[in-house]
PDB file of N, CA and C in Angstrom:
ATOM      1  N   MET A   1     -40.471  17.126  10.306  1.00  0.00           N
ATOM      2  CA  MET A   1     -40.962  16.750   9.201  1.00  0.00           C
ATOM      3  C   MET A   1     -39.629  16.148   8.158  1.00  0.00           C
ATOM      4  N   ARG A   2     -40.051  15.303   7.398  1.00  0.00           N
ATOM      5  CA  ARG A   2     -39.304  14.835   6.431  1.00  0.00           C
ATOM      6  C   ARG A   2     -39.078  16.070   5.254  1.00  0.00           C
ATOM      7  N   ARG A   3     -37.670  15.990   4.577  1.00  0.00           N
ATOM      8  CA  ARG A   3     -37.524  17.129   3.399  1.00  0.00           C
ATOM      9  C   ARG A   3     -37.612  15.907   2.254  1.00  0.00           C
ATOM     10  N   ARG A   4     -38.501  16.206   1.399  1.00  0.00           N
ATOM     11  CA  ARG A   4     -38.495  15.593   0.276  1.00  0.00           C
ATOM     12  C   ARG A   4     -37.791  16.573  -1.088  1.00  0.00           C
ATOM     13  N   VAL A   5     -37.005  15.856  -2.017  1.00  0.00           N
ATOM     14  CA  VAL A   5     -36.119  16.454  -2.887  1.00  0.00           C
ATOM     15  C   VAL A   5     -36.509  16.005  -4.376  1.00  0.00           C
ATOM     16  N   SER A   6     -37.089  16.776  -5.019  1.00  0.00           N
ATOM     17  CA  SER A   6     -37.320  15.994  -6.638  1.00  0.00           C
ATOM     18  C   SER A   6     -36.161  15.285  -7.199  1.00  0.00           C
ATOM     19  N   PRO A   7     -36.639  14.377  -7.662  1.00  0.00           N
ATOM     20  CA  PRO A   7     -35.699  13.470  -8.421  1.00  0.00           C
ATOM     21  C   PRO A   7     -34.664  14.311  -9.369  1.00  0.00           C
ATOM     22  N   LEU A   8     -33.580  13.871  -9.320  1.00  0.00           N
ATOM     23  CA  LEU A   8     -32.386  14.715 -10.466  1.00  0.00           C
ATOM     24  C   LEU A   8     -32.685  14.047 -11.414  1.00  0.00           C
ATOM     25  N   HIS A   9     -32.261  14.437 -12.571  1.00  0.00           N
ATOM     26  CA  HIS A   9     -32.001  13.752 -13.973  1.00  0.00           C
ATOM     27  C   HIS A   9     -30.891  14.291 -14.758  1.00  0.00           C
ATOM     28  N   PHE A  10     -30.174  13.063 -14.729  1.00  0.00           N
ATOM     29  CA  PHE A  10     -28.864  13.402 -15.449  1.00  0.00           C
ATOM     30  C   PHE A  10     -29.178  13.385 -17.320  1.00  0.00           C
ATOM     31  N   ASP A  11     -28.519  14.514 -17.739  1.00  0.00           N
ATOM     32  CA  ASP A  11     -29.286  14.539 -19.490  1.00  0.00           C
ATOM     33  C   ASP A  11     -27.931  14.165 -20.282  1.00  0.00           C
ATOM     34  N   GLY A  12     -27.666  13.283 -20.935  1.00  0.00           N
ATOM     35  CA  GLY A  12     -26.676  12.813 -21.581  1.00  0.00           C
ATOM     36  C   GLY A  12     -26.223  14.133 -22.535  1.00  0.00           C
ATOM     37  N   HIS A  13     -27.517  14.506 -22.966  1.00  0.00           N
ATOM     38  CA  HIS A  13     -27.009  15.513 -24.380  1.00  0.00           C
ATOM     39  C   HIS A  13     -26.366  16.889 -23.408  1.00  0.00           C
ATOM     40  N   ARG A  14     -26.870  17.220 -22.294  1.00  0.00           N
ATOM     41  CA  ARG A  14     -25.842  18.202 -21.585  1.00  0.00           C
ATOM     42  C   ARG A  14     -24.171  18.095 -21.513  1.00  0.00           C
ATOM     43  N   LEU A  15     -23.974  16.795 -21.177  1.00  0.00           N
ATOM     44  CA  LEU A  15     -22.611  16.155 -21.141  1.00  0.00           C
ATOM     45  C   LEU A  15     -22.214  16.320 -22.415  1.00  0.00           C
ATOM     46  N   ARG A  16     -22.348  15.941 -23.639  1.00  0.00           N
ATOM     47  CA  ARG A  16     -22.100  16.185 -25.154  1.00  0.00           C
ATOM     48  C   ARG A  16     -21.996  17.411 -25.557  1.00  0.00           C
ATOM     49  N   ALA A  17     -23.037  18.572 -25.246  1.00  0.00           N
ATOM     50  CA  ALA A  17     -22.770  19.663 -25.609  1.00  0.00           C
ATOM     51  C   ALA A  17     -21.478  20.366 -24.776  1.00  0.00           C
ATOM     52  N   LEU A  18     -21.531  20.235 -23.792  1.00  0.00           N
ATOM     53  CA  LEU A  18     -20.506  20.774 -22.949  1.00  0.00           C
ATOM     54  C   LEU A  18     -18.941  20.400 -23.480  1.00  0.00           C
ATOM     55  N   ARG A  19     -19.165  18.917 -23.471  1.00  0.00           N
ATOM     56  CA  ARG A  19     -17.850  18.577 -23.957  1.00  0.00           C
ATOM     57  C   ARG A  19     -17.547  18.763 -25.365  1.00  0.00           C
ATOM     58  N   ARG A  20     -18.369  19.225 -26.315  1.00  0.00           N
ATOM     59  CA  ARG A  20     -17.992  19.701 -27.642  1.00  0.00           C
ATOM     60  C   ARG A  20     -17.789  20.995 -27.595  1.00  0.00           C
ATOM     61  N   GLN A  21     -18.071  21.727 -26.773  1.00  0.00           N
ATOM     62  CA  GLN A  21     -18.128  23.448 -26.504  1.00  0.00           C
ATOM     63  C   GLN A  21     -16.536  23.405 -25.802  1.00  0.00           C
ATOM     64  N   ARG A  22     -16.107  22.640 -25.226  1.00  0.00           N
ATOM     65  CA  ARG A  22     -14.899  22.692 -24.705  1.00  0.00           C
ATOM     66  C   ARG A  22     -13.880  22.066 -25.226  1.00  0.00           C
ATOM     67  N   GLY A  23     -14.574  21.645 -26.889  1.00  0.00           N
ATOM     68  CA  GLY A  23     -13.610  20.846 -27.336  1.00  0.00           C
ATOM     69  C   GLY A  23     -12.367  19.696 -27.328  1.00  0.00           C
ATOM     70  N   LEU A  24     -12.740  19.148 -26.678  1.00  0.00           N
ATOM     71  CA  LEU A  24     -12.947  17.995 -26.243  1.00  0.00           C
ATOM     72  C   LEU A  24     -13.286  16.559 -27.094  1.00  0.00           C
ATOM     73  N   ARG A  25     -12.533  15.581 -27.133  1.00  0.00           N
ATOM     74  CA  ARG A  25     -13.387  14.259 -27.532  1.00  0.00           C
ATOM     75  C   ARG A  25     -13.583  13.384 -26.370  1.00  0.00           C
ATOM     76  N   VAL A  26     -14.476  12.275 -26.646  1.00  0.00           N
ATOM     77  CA  VAL A  26     -15.264  11.557 -25.857  1.00  0.00           C
ATOM     78  C   VAL A  26     -13.754  10.924 -24.929  1.00  0.00           C
ATOM     79  N   GLU A  27     -12.277  10.444 -25.910  1.00  0.00           N
ATOM     80  CA  GLU A  27     -11.045   9.881 -25.335  1.00  0.00           C
ATOM     81  C   GLU A  27     -10.572  10.875 -24.498  1.00  0.00           C
ATOM     82  N   ASP A  28     -10.445  12.124 -24.464  1.00  0.00           N
ATOM     83  CA  ASP A  28     -10.035  12.841 -24.032  1.00  0.00           C
ATOM     84  C   ASP A  28     -10.464  13.049 -22.604  1.00  0.00           C
ATOM     85  N   VAL A  29     -12.224  13.439 -22.325  1.00  0.00           N
ATOM     86  CA  VAL A  29     -12.748  13.128 -20.889  1.00  0.00           C
ATOM     87  C   VAL A  29     -12.199  12.176 -20.322  1.00  0.00           C
ATOM     88  N   ALA A  30     -12.258  10.774 -20.866  1.00  0.00           N
ATOM     89  CA  ALA A  30     -12.260   9.435 -20.382  1.00  0.00           C
ATOM     90  C   ALA A  30     -10.508   9.816 -19.946  1.00  0.00           C
ATOM     91  N   ALA A  31      -9.702  10.116 -20.400  1.00  0.00           N
ATOM     92  CA  ALA A  31      -8.332  10.157 -19.980  1.00  0.00           C
ATOM     93  C   ALA A  31      -7.963  10.916 -18.707  1.00  0.00           C
ATOM     94  N   ILE A  32      -8.570  12.035 -18.741  1.00  0.00           N
ATOM     95  CA  ILE A  32      -8.644  12.790 -17.485  1.00  0.00           C
ATOM     96  C   ILE A  32      -9.575  12.466 -16.425  1.00  0.00           C
ATOM     97  N   SER A  33     -10.903  12.219 -16.845  1.00  0.00           N
ATOM     98  CA  SER A  33     -11.317  11.462 -15.680  1.00  0.00           C
ATOM     99  C   SER A  33     -11.396  10.285 -14.771  1.00  0.00           C
ATOM    100  N   GLY A  34     -10.547   9.169 -16.042  1.00  0.00           N
ATOM    101  CA  GLY A  34     -10.416   8.090 -15.651  1.00  0.00           C
ATOM    102  C   GLY A  34     -12.079   7.108 -15.788  1.00  0.00           C
ATOM    103  N   ILE A  35     -12.384   7.367 -16.308  1.00  0.00           N
ATOM    104  CA  ILE A  35     -13.993   6.595 -16.738  1.00  0.00           C
ATOM    105  C   ILE A  35     -13.491   6.319 -18.340  1.00  0.00           C
ATOM    106  N   THR A  36     -13.721   4.911 -18.225  1.00  0.00           N
ATOM    107  CA  THR A  36     -14.007   4.248 -19.503  1.00  0.00           C
ATOM    108  C   THR A  36     -14.626   5.264 -20.608  1.00  0.00           C
ATOM    109  N   ALA A  37     -14.065   5.355 -21.794  1.00  0.00           N
ATOM    110  CA  ALA A  37     -14.927   6.085 -23.136  1.00  0.00           C
ATOM    111  C   ALA A  37     -15.951   5.259 -23.321  1.00  0.00           C
ATOM    112  N   ARG A  38     -16.075   4.194 -23.115  1.00  0.00           N
ATOM    113  CA  ARG A  38     -17.443   3.613 -23.412  1.00  0.00           C
ATOM    114  C   ARG A  38     -18.499   4.064 -22.633  1.00  0.00           C
ATOM    115  N   HIS A  39     -18.022   3.927 -21.466  1.00  0.00           N
ATOM    116  CA  HIS A  39     -19.204   4.831 -20.270  1.00  0.00           C
ATOM    117  C   HIS A  39     -19.690   5.920 -20.823  1.00  0.00           C
ATOM    118  N   ILE A  40     -18.638   7.011 -20.678  1.00  0.00           N
ATOM    119  CA  ILE A  40     -19.293   8.215 -21.188  1.00  0.00           C
ATOM    120  C   ILE A  40     -20.121   8.238 -22.634  1.00  0.00           C
ATOM    121  N   TRP A  41     -19.762   7.442 -23.502  1.00  0.00           N
ATOM    122  CA  TRP A  41     -20.717   7.098 -24.642  1.00  0.00           C
ATOM    123  C   TRP A  41     -21.954   6.911 -24.121  1.00  0.00           C
ATOM    124  N   ARG A  42     -22.122   6.060 -23.347  1.00  0.00           N
ATOM    125  CA  ARG A  42     -23.278   5.235 -22.730  1.00  0.00           C
ATOM    126  C   ARG A  42     -24.092   6.604 -22.084  1.00  0.00           C
ATOM    127  N   LEU A  43     -23.109   7.235 -21.316  1.00  0.00           N
ATOM    128  CA  LEU A  43     -23.853   8.619 -20.772  1.00  0.00           C
ATOM    129  C   LEU A  43     -24.359   9.459 -21.327  1.00  0.00           C
ATOM    130  N   GLU A  44     -23.789  10.084 -22.419  1.00  0.00           N
ATOM    131  CA  GLU A  44     -24.118  10.669 -23.693  1.00  0.00           C
ATOM    132  C   GLU A  44     -25.453  10.166 -24.151  1.00  0.00           C
ATOM    133  N   ALA A  45     -25.217   9.052 -24.808  1.00  0.00           N
ATOM    134  CA  ALA A  45     -26.237   8.616 -25.405  1.00  0.00           C
ATOM    135  C   ALA A  45     -27.734   7.898 -24.375  1.00  0.00           C
ATOM    136  N   GLY A  46     -27.862   8.277 -23.240  1.00  0.00           N
ATOM    137  CA  GLY A  46     -28.616   8.523 -22.510  1.00  0.00           C
ATOM    138  C   GLY A  46     -29.263   7.100 -21.864  1.00  0.00           C
ATOM    139  N   THR A  47     -28.278   5.772 -22.534  1.00  0.00           N
ATOM    140  CA  THR A  47     -28.516   4.256 -22.066  1.00  0.00           C
ATOM    141  C   THR A  47     -28.189   4.237 -20.400  1.00  0.00           C
ATOM    142  N   ARG A  48     -27.695   5.120 -19.547  1.00  0.00           N
ATOM    143  CA  ARG A  48     -27.243   4.816 -18.251  1.00  0.00           C
ATOM    144  C   ARG A  48     -27.659   5.987 -17.436  1.00  0.00           C
ATOM    145  N   PRO A  49     -28.915   6.108 -17.363  1.00  0.00           N
ATOM    146  CA  PRO A  49     -29.843   6.965 -16.816  1.00  0.00           C
ATOM    147  C   PRO A  49     -29.509   7.677 -15.261  1.00  0.00           C
ATOM    148  N   ARG A  50     -29.085   6.281 -14.497  1.00  0.00           N
ATOM    149  CA  ARG A  50     -28.903   6.268 -12.886  1.00  0.00           C
ATOM    150  C   ARG A  50     -27.323   6.522 -13.112  1.00  0.00           C
ATOM    151  N   VAL A  51     -26.673   7.578 -12.887  1.00  0.00           N
ATOM    152  CA  VAL A  51     -24.959   8.170 -12.609  1.00  0.00           C
ATOM    153  C   VAL A  51     -24.736   7.745 -11.401  1.00  0.00           C
ATOM    154  N   ALA A  52     -23.509   7.150 -10.845  1.00  0.00           N
ATOM    155  CA  ALA A  52     -22.830   7.155  -9.316  1.00  0.00           C
ATOM    156  C   ALA A  52     -22.512   8.889  -9.426  1.00  0.00           C
ATOM    157  N   ALA A  53     -22.515   9.115  -7.953  1.00  0.00           N
ATOM    158  CA  ALA A  53     -22.201  10.291  -7.824  1.00  0.00           C
ATOM    159  C   ALA A  53     -20.445  10.548  -7.781  1.00  0.00           C
ATOM    160  N   VAL A  54     -19.843   9.517  -7.827  1.00  0.00           N
ATOM    161  CA  VAL A  54     -18.528   9.757  -8.133  1.00  0.00           C
ATOM    162  C   VAL A  54     -18.123   9.978  -9.658  1.00  0.00           C
ATOM    163  N   THR A  55     -19.078   9.133 -10.466  1.00  0.00           N
ATOM    164  CA  THR A  55     -18.798   9.497 -11.692  1.00  0.00           C
ATOM    165  C   THR A  55     -19.126  11.080 -11.860  1.00  0.00           C
ATOM    166  N   LEU A  56     -20.119  11.311 -11.913  1.00  0.00           N
ATOM    167  CA  LEU A  56     -20.703  12.916 -12.113  1.00  0.00           C
ATOM    168  C   LEU A  56     -19.573  13.845 -11.483  1.00  0.00           C
ATOM    169  N   ALA A  57     -18.456  13.576 -10.279  1.00  0.00           N
ATOM    170  CA  ALA A  57     -17.648  14.398 -10.038  1.00  0.00           C
ATOM    171  C   ALA A  57     -16.621  14.466 -10.755  1.00  0.00           C
ATOM    172  N   ARG A  58     -16.175  13.241 -11.041  1.00  0.00           N
ATOM    173  CA  ARG A  58     -15.010  12.947 -12.024  1.00  0.00           C
ATOM    174  C   ARG A  58     -15.330  13.938 -13.370  1.00  0.00           C
ATOM    175  N   ILE A  59     -16.280  13.558 -13.998  1.00  0.00           N
ATOM    176  CA  ILE A  59     -16.621  14.271 -15.330  1.00  0.00           C
ATOM    177  C   ILE A  59     -16.710  15.743 -15.284  1.00  0.00           C
ATOM    178  N   ALA A  60     -17.532  16.062 -13.979  1.00  0.00           N
ATOM    179  CA  ALA A  60     -17.546  17.634 -13.542  1.00  0.00           C
ATOM    180  C   ALA A  60     -16.107  17.945 -13.647  1.00  0.00           C
ATOM    181  N   LEU A  61     -15.250  17.617 -13.055  1.00  0.00           N
ATOM    182  CA  LEU A  61     -13.521  18.236 -12.915  1.00  0.00           C
ATOM    183  C   LEU A  61     -13.375  18.110 -14.015  1.00  0.00           C
ATOM    184  N   ALA A  62     -13.317  16.947 -15.136  1.00  0.00           N
ATOM    185  CA  ALA A  62     -12.285  17.147 -15.842  1.00  0.00           C
ATOM    186  C   ALA A  62     -13.077  18.248 -17.269  1.00  0.00           C
ATOM    187  N   LEU A  63     -14.305  18.256 -17.064  1.00  0.00           N
ATOM    188  CA  LEU A  63     -15.150  19.254 -18.051  1.00  0.00           C
ATOM    189  C   LEU A  63     -14.951  20.630 -17.091  1.00  0.00           C
ATOM    190  N   ASN A  64     -14.417  21.191 -16.216  1.00  0.00           N
ATOM    191  CA  ASN A  64     -14.417  22.380 -15.389  1.00  0.00           C
ATOM    192  C   ASN A  64     -15.633  22.899 -15.239  1.00  0.00           C
ATOM    193  N   THR A  65     -16.785  22.031 -14.891  1.00  0.00           N
ATOM    194  CA  THR A  65     -17.889  22.349 -14.411  1.00  0.00           C
ATOM    195  C   THR A  65     -18.479  21.759 -13.127  1.00  0.00           C
ATOM    196  N   SER A  66     -19.513  21.807 -12.890  1.00  0.00           N
ATOM    197  CA  SER A  66     -20.301  21.206 -11.547  1.00  0.00           C
ATOM    198  C   SER A  66     -21.077  19.903 -11.955  1.00  0.00           C
ATOM    199  N   VAL A  67     -21.262  19.320 -10.962  1.00  0.00           N
ATOM    200  CA  VAL A  67     -22.208  18.410 -11.122  1.00  0.00           C
ATOM    201  C   VAL A  67     -23.906  19.104 -11.191  1.00  0.00           C
ATOM    202  N   ASP A  68     -23.830  19.914 -10.467  1.00  0.00           N
ATOM    203  CA  ASP A  68     -25.193  21.057 -10.306  1.00  0.00           C
ATOM    204  C   ASP A  68     -25.169  21.223 -11.893  1.00  0.00           C
ATOM    205  N   TYR A  69     -24.704  21.608 -12.568  1.00  0.00           N
ATOM    206  CA  TYR A  69     -24.858  21.716 -13.933  1.00  0.00           C
ATOM    207  C   TYR A  69     -25.268  20.576 -14.773  1.00  0.00           C
ATOM    208  N   LEU A  70     -24.588  19.629 -14.670  1.00  0.00           N
ATOM    209  CA  LEU A  70     -24.885  17.881 -15.169  1.00  0.00           C
ATOM    210  C   LEU A  70     -26.177  17.416 -14.843  1.00  0.00           C
ATOM    211  N   VAL A  71     -26.471  17.716 -13.661  1.00  0.00           N
ATOM    212  CA  VAL A  71     -27.981  16.920 -13.510  1.00  0.00           C
ATOM    213  C   VAL A  71     -29.051  17.970 -13.751  1.00  0.00           C
ATOM    214  N   GLY A  72     -28.802  19.587 -14.134  1.00  0.00           N
ATOM    215  CA  GLY A  72     -29.728  20.409 -14.310  1.00  0.00           C
ATOM    216  C   GLY A  72     -30.430  21.355 -13.233  1.00  0.00           C
ATOM    217  N   LEU A  73     -29.394  21.511 -12.168  1.00  0.00           N
ATOM    218  CA  LEU A  73     -29.687  22.360 -10.807  1.00  0.00           C
ATOM    219  C   LEU A  73     -29.364  23.998 -11.156  1.00  0.00           C
ATOM    220  N   THR A  74     -28.285  23.851 -12.335  1.00  0.00           N
ATOM    221  CA  THR A  74     -28.320  25.454 -12.917  1.00  0.00           C
ATOM    222  C   THR A  74     -28.235  25.155 -14.392  1.00  0.00           C
ATOM    223  N   ASP A  75     -28.357  26.557 -14.958  1.00  0.00           N
ATOM    224  CA  ASP A  75     -27.982  26.208 -16.698  1.00  0.00           C
ATOM    225  C   ASP A  75     -26.837  26.772 -16.966  1.00  0.00           C
ATOM    226  N   ASN A  76     -26.234  27.520 -15.960  1.00  0.00           N
ATOM    227  CA  ASN A  76     -24.550  28.074 -15.920  1.00  0.00           C
ATOM    228  C   ASN A  76     -23.383  27.194 -15.941  1.00  0.00           C
ATOM    229  N   PRO A  77     -22.859  26.722 -16.860  1.00  0.00           N
ATOM    230  CA  PRO A  77     -21.520  25.520 -16.604  1.00  0.00           C
ATOM    231  C   PRO A  77     -20.561  26.057 -15.570  1.00  0.00           C
ATOM    232  N   SER A  78     -20.438  27.028 -15.239  1.00  0.00           N
ATOM    233  CA  SER A  78     -19.293  27.435 -14.515  1.00  0.00           C
ATOM    234  C   SER A  78     -19.872  28.173 -13.027  1.00  0.00           C
ATOM    235  N   ALA A  79     -21.325  27.708 -12.915  1.00  0.00           N
ATOM    236  CA  ALA A  79     -21.760  28.217 -11.661  1.00  0.00           C
ATOM    237  C   ALA A  79     -21.633  26.922 -10.802  1.00  0.00           C
ATOM    238  N   THR A  80     -21.747  27.134  -9.228  1.00  0.00           N
ATOM    239  CA  THR A  80     -21.778  26.124  -8.195  1.00  0.00           C
ATOM    240  C   THR A  80     -22.375  26.758  -7.100  1.00  0.00           C
ATOM    241  N   ARG A  81     -23.240  26.093  -6.610  1.00  0.00           N
ATOM    242  CA  ARG A  81     -24.084  26.678  -5.429  1.00  0.00           C
ATOM    243  C   ARG A  81     -22.821  26.498  -4.177  1.00  0.00           C
ATOM    244  N   ARG A  82     -23.343  27.482  -3.200  1.00  0.00           N
ATOM    245  CA  ARG A  82     -21.955  27.495  -2.018  1.00  0.00           C
ATOM    246  C   ARG A  82     -22.662  26.545  -0.841  1.00  0.00           C
ATOM    247  N   ALA A  83     -22.055  26.402   0.066  1.00  0.00           N
ATOM    248  CA  ALA A  83     -22.488  25.321   1.168  1.00  0.00           C
ATOM    249  C   ALA A  83     -23.804  26.240   1.688  1.00  0.00           C
ATOM    250  N   GLY A  84     -24.972  25.235   1.819  1.00  0.00           N
ATOM    251  CA  GLY A  84     -25.670  25.881   2.468  1.00  0.00           C
ATOM    252  C   GLY A  84     -26.664  26.742   1.642  1.00  0.00           C
ATOM    253  N   GLU A  85     -26.747  27.126   0.611  1.00  0.00           N
ATOM    254  CA  GLU A  85     -27.396  27.668  -0.437  1.00  0.00           C
ATOM    255  C   GLU A  85     -28.847  26.747  -1.023  1.00  0.00           C
ATOM    256  N   ALA A  86     -29.577  27.405  -0.820  1.00  0.00           N
ATOM    257  CA  ALA A  86     -30.962  26.392  -1.492  1.00  0.00           C
ATOM    258  C   ALA A  86     -30.653  26.065  -2.955  1.00  0.00           C
ATOM    259  N   PRO A  87     -31.589  24.821  -3.222  1.00  0.00           N
ATOM    260  CA  PRO A  87     -31.441  24.789  -4.803  1.00  0.00           C
ATOM    261  C   PRO A  87     -32.606  25.358  -5.474  1.00  0.00           C
ATOM    262  N   PRO A  88     -32.835  25.539  -6.717  1.00  0.00           N
ATOM    263  CA  PRO A  88     -33.804  26.093  -7.577  1.00  0.00           C
ATOM    264  C   PRO A  88     -34.969  25.507  -6.975  1.00  0.00           C
ATOM    265  N   SER A  89     -36.021  26.460  -7.295  1.00  0.00           N
ATOM    266  CA  SER A  89     -37.201  26.210  -6.840  1.00  0.00           C
ATOM    267  C   SER A  89     -37.988  24.990  -7.087  1.00  0.00           C
ATOM    268  N   GLU A  90     -37.827  24.877  -8.367  1.00  0.00           N
ATOM    269  CA  GLU A  90     -38.343  23.351  -8.946  1.00  0.00           C
ATOM    270  C   GLU A  90     -37.985  21.939  -8.373  1.00  0.00           C
ATOM    271  N   PHE A  91     -36.842  22.226  -7.346  1.00  0.00           N
ATOM    272  CA  PHE A  91     -36.687  20.983  -6.786  1.00  0.00           C
ATOM    273  C   PHE A  91     -36.815  21.074  -5.128  1.00  0.00           C
ATOM    274  N   MET A  92     -37.837  21.556  -5.117  1.00  0.00           N
ATOM    275  CA  MET A  92     -38.263  21.875  -3.631  1.00  0.00           C
ATOM    276  C   MET A  92     -39.643  21.772  -3.247  1.00  0.00           C
ATOM    277  N   GLU A  93     -40.230  21.372  -2.281  1.00  0.00           N
ATOM    278  CA  GLU A  93     -41.622  21.032  -2.088  1.00  0.00           C
ATOM    279  C   GLU A  93     -42.170  22.322  -1.781  1.00  0.00           C
ATOM    280  N   LYS A  94     -43.354  22.567  -2.237  1.00  0.00           N
ATOM    281  CA  LYS A  94     -44.528  23.958  -1.669  1.00  0.00           C
ATOM    282  C   LYS A  94     -43.920  24.358  -0.484  1.00  0.00           C
ATOM    283  N   ASP A  95     -43.703  23.445   0.333  1.00  0.00           N
ATOM    284  CA  ASP A  95     -44.123  23.663   2.113  1.00  0.00           C
ATOM    285  C   ASP A  95     -42.781  23.954   2.648  1.00  0.00           C
ATOM    286  N   GLU A  96     -41.602  24.123   1.733  1.00  0.00           N
ATOM    287  CA  GLU A  96     -40.161  24.296   2.177  1.00  0.00           C
ATOM    288  C   GLU A  96     -39.648  25.535   1.105  1.00  0.00           C
ATOM    289  N   MET A  97     -40.931  26.332   0.509  1.00  0.00           N
ATOM    290  CA  MET A  97     -40.039  27.655  -0.322  1.00  0.00           C
ATOM    291  C   MET A  97     -40.215  28.550   0.420  1.00  0.00           C
ATOM    292  N   PRO A  98     -39.235  28.794   0.483  1.00  0.00           N
ATOM    293  CA  PRO A  98     -39.311  30.528   1.002  1.00  0.00           C
ATOM    294  C   PRO A  98     -40.589  31.273   0.997  1.00  0.00           C
TER     295      PRO A  98
END
């Protein structure tokens, strides 16, 4: 049986809020992550809804958070899932739920 996962949605507002909470400017995140400030502004504004995994990983490292937080799999910016741990139920099909 094929496993289907609900689509993940990157939310630029979450990125902006966390960046501000960390006291960082867009330019700071750009310098730390190696991603251009212009690209980060676009991500925060929501004009780039599809984000490469490597971009998410770089931003997560720069903000000391997880990719899970950036894509909404958790609401805890410091939480990460352990290998093999199931995602939240809203990202699973009914027949896959424990």
